[in-house]
Amino acid sequence: MTKVSSTTELPVSAKTVWSVIGNFNALPDWHPAVAKSELKKEAGGTLRKLSLAGGGTIEEKLEQIDDKERRYTYSIVSGPLPVNNYTATLKVREAEGGKGCSVEWSSEFEAKGAPEGDAVAAISGIYEAGFDNLKKMFGG
């Protein structure tokens, strides 16, 4: 399995950031690549269908959420990304000393239909685009 992990620091509380990104259906509120998210409950759990700004859709399943720990884990059910067996975790932690917070987005997957380096670059690019926008939103 290939692993990708990115972290960013923000000058606001973990509670403030979690209130924006902690909702599984909230990606359009903070990630510029996601135009719309539709939530649906199925017998197997909670799914979100993401409509991408450049066209295309990704369907993801919520695997676990913990508001107290400020993290959720999800998997990709279907979509155009060059990955298979993709599982990711998004978590927010208070910074040491209580000033600001860190956001970590990490995943494990297998490359599919593309070299591993291209898959890593695609996933890293998604994480960085989200973090860049969070920095704009929160003054990071």
Protein backbone atom coordinates (compact mmCIF):
# COMPACT_ATOMS: atom_id res chain seq x y z
CA MET A 1 0.00 0.00 0.00
CA THR A 2 1.13 3.53 -0.78
CA LYS A 3 0.79 6.16 1.92
CA VAL A 4 0.36 9.93 1.57
CA SER A 5 0.17 12.33 4.50
CA SER A 6 0.03 16.13 4.57
CA THR A 7 -0.28 18.51 7.50
CA THR A 8 -0.90 22.23 7.74
CA GLU A 9 -0.91 24.65 10.66
CA LEU A 10 -3.68 27.21 11.14
CA PRO A 11 -3.78 30.14 13.59
CA VAL A 12 -7.26 29.35 14.94
CA SER A 13 -8.60 26.78 17.40
CA ALA A 14 -9.15 23.15 16.45
CA LYS A 15 -12.80 23.60 17.42
CA THR A 16 -13.19 26.44 14.89
CA VAL A 17 -11.62 24.45 12.05
CA TRP A 18 -13.54 21.26 12.92
CA SER A 19 -16.79 23.24 12.81
CA VAL A 20 -16.04 23.90 9.12
CA ILE A 21 -14.42 20.65 7.96
CA GLY A 22 -15.78 18.09 10.43
CA ASN A 23 -19.10 17.59 8.68
CA PHE A 24 -18.69 14.72 6.18
CA ASN A 25 -20.87 16.63 3.71
CA ALA A 26 -18.93 19.94 4.02
CA LEU A 27 -16.17 19.57 1.40
CA PRO A 28 -17.76 22.17 -0.94
CA ASP A 29 -17.53 24.69 1.92
CA TRP A 30 -13.75 24.55 2.04
CA HIS A 31 -12.26 22.57 -0.88
CA PRO A 32 -12.10 24.46 -4.21
CA ALA A 33 -12.18 21.27 -6.33
CA VAL A 34 -15.58 20.21 -4.97
CA ALA A 35 -18.61 22.04 -6.36
CA LYS A 36 -21.31 20.01 -4.61
CA SER A 37 -21.73 17.16 -2.12
CA GLU A 38 -24.86 15.05 -1.79
CA LEU A 39 -25.26 12.87 1.27
CA LYS A 40 -27.23 9.65 1.25
CA LYS A 41 -27.80 6.99 3.89
CA GLU A 42 -27.80 3.38 2.88
CA ALA A 43 -28.02 0.16 4.84
CA GLY A 44 -24.24 -0.06 4.61
CA GLY A 45 -23.69 3.44 6.02
CA THR A 46 -23.35 7.05 4.91
CA LEU A 47 -22.19 7.97 1.40
CA ARG A 48 -21.35 11.30 -0.22
CA LYS A 49 -21.39 11.96 -3.94
CA LEU A 50 -18.96 14.76 -4.76
CA SER A 51 -19.45 16.77 -7.95
CA LEU A 52 -16.06 18.11 -9.00
CA ALA A 53 -15.57 21.69 -10.22
CA GLY A 54 -13.92 20.48 -13.44
CA GLY A 55 -16.56 17.81 -14.08
CA GLY A 56 -16.79 14.24 -12.86
CA THR A 57 -17.95 12.70 -9.60
CA ILE A 58 -16.44 10.76 -6.74
CA GLU A 59 -18.47 8.61 -4.36
CA GLU A 60 -17.08 8.15 -0.86
CA LYS A 61 -18.20 6.21 2.19
CA LEU A 62 -17.89 7.43 5.78
CA GLU A 63 -16.12 4.66 7.68
CA GLN A 64 -15.83 6.30 11.09
CA ILE A 65 -16.32 9.73 12.68
CA ASP A 66 -15.30 10.95 16.12
CA ASP A 67 -16.28 14.54 16.92
CA LYS A 68 -14.54 14.39 20.30
CA GLU A 69 -11.22 13.42 18.67
CA ARG A 70 -12.03 15.68 15.66
CA ARG A 71 -11.40 13.09 12.96
CA TYR A 72 -13.18 11.07 10.35
CA THR A 73 -12.13 8.22 8.08
CA TYR A 74 -13.62 7.56 4.67
CA SER A 75 -13.04 5.37 1.62
CA ILE A 76 -13.52 5.95 -2.10
CA VAL A 77 -16.28 3.78 -3.58
CA SER A 78 -15.92 5.05 -7.16
CA GLY A 79 -14.39 7.92 -9.10
CA PRO A 80 -11.81 9.03 -11.66
CA LEU A 81 -8.75 9.08 -9.37
CA PRO A 82 -5.94 6.61 -10.21
CA VAL A 83 -6.35 4.71 -6.92
CA ASN A 84 -7.80 1.47 -5.58
CA ASN A 85 -8.57 0.49 -1.97
CA TYR A 86 -8.28 4.15 -0.92
CA THR A 87 -8.92 4.94 2.74
CA ALA A 88 -8.19 8.37 4.23
CA THR A 89 -8.41 10.15 7.57
CA LEU A 90 -8.89 13.86 8.15
CA LYS A 91 -8.12 15.07 11.67
CA VAL A 92 -7.68 18.35 13.53
CA ARG A 93 -5.53 18.76 16.65
CA GLU A 94 -4.91 21.65 19.01
CA ALA A 95 -1.35 22.93 18.64
CA GLU A 96 1.13 22.50 21.46
CA GLY A 97 0.79 25.48 23.78
CA GLY A 98 -2.82 26.05 22.74
CA LYS A 99 -2.14 28.52 19.91
CA GLY A 100 -3.76 27.43 16.70
CA CYS A 101 -4.17 23.91 15.38
CA SER A 102 -2.89 21.42 12.85
CA VAL A 103 -4.91 19.61 10.22
CA GLU A 104 -3.67 16.25 8.96
CA TRP A 105 -5.01 14.47 5.89
CA SER A 106 -3.55 11.01 5.35
CA SER A 107 -4.37 8.01 3.20
CA GLU A 108 -3.40 4.54 2.07
CA PHE A 109 -4.15 3.18 -1.40
CA GLU A 110 -2.90 1.21 -4.37
CA ALA A 111 -2.15 2.94 -7.68
CA LYS A 112 -4.62 2.00 -10.44
CA GLY A 113 -4.13 2.66 -14.15
CA ALA A 114 -1.19 5.01 -13.53
CA PRO A 115 2.33 4.81 -12.11
CA GLU A 116 2.51 5.04 -8.31
CA GLY A 117 4.26 8.43 -8.52
CA ASP A 118 1.37 9.86 -10.56
CA ALA A 119 -1.20 8.54 -8.07
CA VAL A 120 0.77 10.05 -5.16
CA ALA A 121 1.03 13.38 -7.00
CA ALA A 122 -2.73 13.41 -7.68
CA ILE A 123 -3.66 12.71 -4.04
CA SER A 124 -1.05 15.13 -2.66
CA GLY A 125 -2.36 17.82 -5.01
CA ILE A 126 -5.90 17.35 -3.69
CA TYR A 127 -4.73 17.68 -0.09
CA GLU A 128 -2.60 20.76 -0.80
CA ALA A 129 -5.43 22.52 -2.69
CA GLY A 130 -7.69 22.01 0.33
CA PHE A 131 -5.01 23.21 2.76
CA ASP A 132 -4.23 26.28 0.64
CA ASN A 133 -7.88 27.26 0.77
CA LEU A 134 -8.10 26.66 4.54
CA LYS A 135 -5.10 28.99 4.95
CA LYS A 136 -6.95 31.67 2.96
CA MET A 137 -10.10 31.15 5.05
CA PHE A 138 -8.35 31.19 8.43
CA GLY A 139 -5.37 33.42 7.72
CA GLY A 140 -2.73 30.68 7.95
